[in-house]
Every structure is written in C-alpha cells, then in structure tokens.
Amino acid sequence: MVGKRKPGKRTPIGDRVQFLTMMHPDVIADIKQVAIDEQRAAWDIMEQAAKQLLKRRKSRRTS
C-alpha cells in the first residue's frame, strides 16, 4: 500500500505546514462563513489575517 493516503489527510500546499490553534467556536464559524462567501479556503482567510497582523505590528515597531 505504498503511496496510499489516509482518508482525511491533506497534501500541503506549497511550502506551508500544519499549525494547530484553538479559537472560540463562534469565531471559527464566522471564518468558515467568510471562506464560503469568498469561495476560498478557511486556512487562506486565516493566513491573510495573520499576515496583516504581523505587518501592522512590524510597522508600529519601526515608527
């Protein structure tokens, strides 16, 4: 059975790695709804939000 994937396992996209976090269920539901509305993956929504947060923090530190 070489090369068979376990059900539910996903192939990483690009150089991304899995990162586990915990959030309030309402926040998760809202993120999933945004992903559906924008026809994007929930991980993509979260990655974009994290990048925006990090960019804001970096700009505050250099100001």
C-alpha atoms as a PDB file:
ATOM      1  CA  MET A   1       0.000   0.000   0.000  1.00  0.00           C
ATOM      2  CA  VAL A   2       2.823   2.393  -0.695  1.00  0.00           C
ATOM      3  CA  GLY A   3       1.612   5.779  -1.876  1.00  0.00           C
ATOM      4  CA  LYS A   4      -1.869   5.448  -0.364  1.00  0.00           C
ATOM      5  CA  ARG A   5      -3.051   8.385   1.725  1.00  0.00           C
ATOM      6  CA  LYS A   6      -5.112   8.069   4.857  1.00  0.00           C
ATOM      7  CA  PRO A   7      -8.667   9.365   4.484  1.00  0.00           C
ATOM      8  CA  GLY A   8      -8.889  12.963   5.599  1.00  0.00           C
ATOM      9  CA  LYS A   9      -5.184  13.671   5.159  1.00  0.00           C
ATOM     10  CA  ARG A  10      -4.428  16.710   3.009  1.00  0.00           C
ATOM     11  CA  THR A  11      -1.388  17.407   0.897  1.00  0.00           C
ATOM     12  CA  PRO A  12       0.408  20.604   1.949  1.00  0.00           C
ATOM     13  CA  ILE A  13       0.055  23.475  -0.498  1.00  0.00           C
ATOM     14  CA  GLY A  14       3.437  24.893  -1.440  1.00  0.00           C
ATOM     15  CA  ASP A  15       5.787  25.238   1.488  1.00  0.00           C
ATOM     16  CA  ARG A  16       3.008  25.513   4.061  1.00  0.00           C
ATOM     17  CA  VAL A  17       2.973  23.361   7.197  1.00  0.00           C
ATOM     18  CA  GLN A  18       0.127  22.499   9.529  1.00  0.00           C
ATOM     19  CA  PHE A  19      -0.343  24.707  12.602  1.00  0.00           C
ATOM     20  CA  LEU A  20      -2.805  23.851  15.353  1.00  0.00           C
ATOM     21  CA  THR A  21      -4.600  26.596  17.273  1.00  0.00           C
ATOM     22  CA  MET A  22      -7.694  26.975  19.416  1.00  0.00           C
ATOM     23  CA  MET A  23     -10.445  29.546  18.905  1.00  0.00           C
ATOM     24  CA  HIS A  24     -13.932  30.248  20.141  1.00  0.00           C
ATOM     25  CA  PRO A  25     -16.490  28.257  18.091  1.00  0.00           C
ATOM     26  CA  ASP A  26     -18.274  31.466  17.012  1.00  0.00           C
ATOM     27  CA  VAL A  27     -15.031  32.837  15.558  1.00  0.00           C
ATOM     28  CA  ILE A  28     -14.425  29.593  13.691  1.00  0.00           C
ATOM     29  CA  ALA A  29     -17.971  29.631  12.299  1.00  0.00           C
ATOM     30  CA  ASP A  30     -17.524  33.237  11.137  1.00  0.00           C
ATOM     31  CA  ILE A  31     -14.208  32.408   9.453  1.00  0.00           C
ATOM     32  CA  LYS A  32     -15.786  29.457   7.668  1.00  0.00           C
ATOM     33  CA  GLN A  33     -18.676  31.650   6.507  1.00  0.00           C
ATOM     34  CA  VAL A  34     -16.264  34.248   5.097  1.00  0.00           C
ATOM     35  CA  ALA A  35     -14.413  31.457   3.301  1.00  0.00           C
ATOM     36  CA  ILE A  36     -17.662  30.204   1.771  1.00  0.00           C
ATOM     37  CA  ASP A  37     -18.749  33.726   0.794  1.00  0.00           C
ATOM     38  CA  GLU A  38     -15.390  34.429  -0.866  1.00  0.00           C
ATOM     39  CA  GLN A  39     -15.019  30.907  -2.289  1.00  0.00           C
ATOM     40  CA  ARG A  40     -11.678  30.494  -0.555  1.00  0.00           C
ATOM     41  CA  ALA A  41     -10.259  28.032   1.943  1.00  0.00           C
ATOM     42  CA  ALA A  42     -10.530  28.892   5.637  1.00  0.00           C
ATOM     43  CA  TRP A  43      -6.767  28.471   6.022  1.00  0.00           C
ATOM     44  CA  ASP A  44      -6.290  31.117   3.326  1.00  0.00           C
ATOM     45  CA  ILE A  45      -8.504  33.576   5.234  1.00  0.00           C
ATOM     46  CA  MET A  46      -6.530  32.926   8.422  1.00  0.00           C
ATOM     47  CA  GLU A  47      -3.169  33.229   6.679  1.00  0.00           C
ATOM     48  CA  GLN A  48      -4.180  36.592   5.199  1.00  0.00           C
ATOM     49  CA  ALA A  49      -5.364  37.845   8.615  1.00  0.00           C
ATOM     50  CA  ALA A  50      -2.124  36.717  10.284  1.00  0.00           C
ATOM     51  CA  LYS A  51      -0.011  38.447   7.622  1.00  0.00           C
ATOM     52  CA  GLN A  52      -1.965  41.678   8.101  1.00  0.00           C
ATOM     53  CA  LEU A  53      -1.493  41.494  11.880  1.00  0.00           C
ATOM     54  CA  LEU A  54       2.241  40.884  11.554  1.00  0.00           C
ATOM     55  CA  LYS A  55       2.609  43.725   9.046  1.00  0.00           C
ATOM     56  CA  ARG A  56       0.819  46.171  11.399  1.00  0.00           C
ATOM     57  CA  ARG A  57       2.977  45.113  14.347  1.00  0.00           C
ATOM     58  CA  LYS A  58       6.150  45.474  12.302  1.00  0.00           C
ATOM     59  CA  SER A  59       5.200  48.960  11.105  1.00  0.00           C
ATOM     60  CA  ARG A  60       4.443  50.074  14.705  1.00  0.00           C
ATOM     61  CA  ARG A  61       7.848  48.874  15.891  1.00  0.00           C
ATOM     62  CA  THR A  62       9.738  50.752  13.178  1.00  0.00           C
ATOM     63  CA  SER A  63       7.803  54.011  13.659  1.00  0.00           C
END
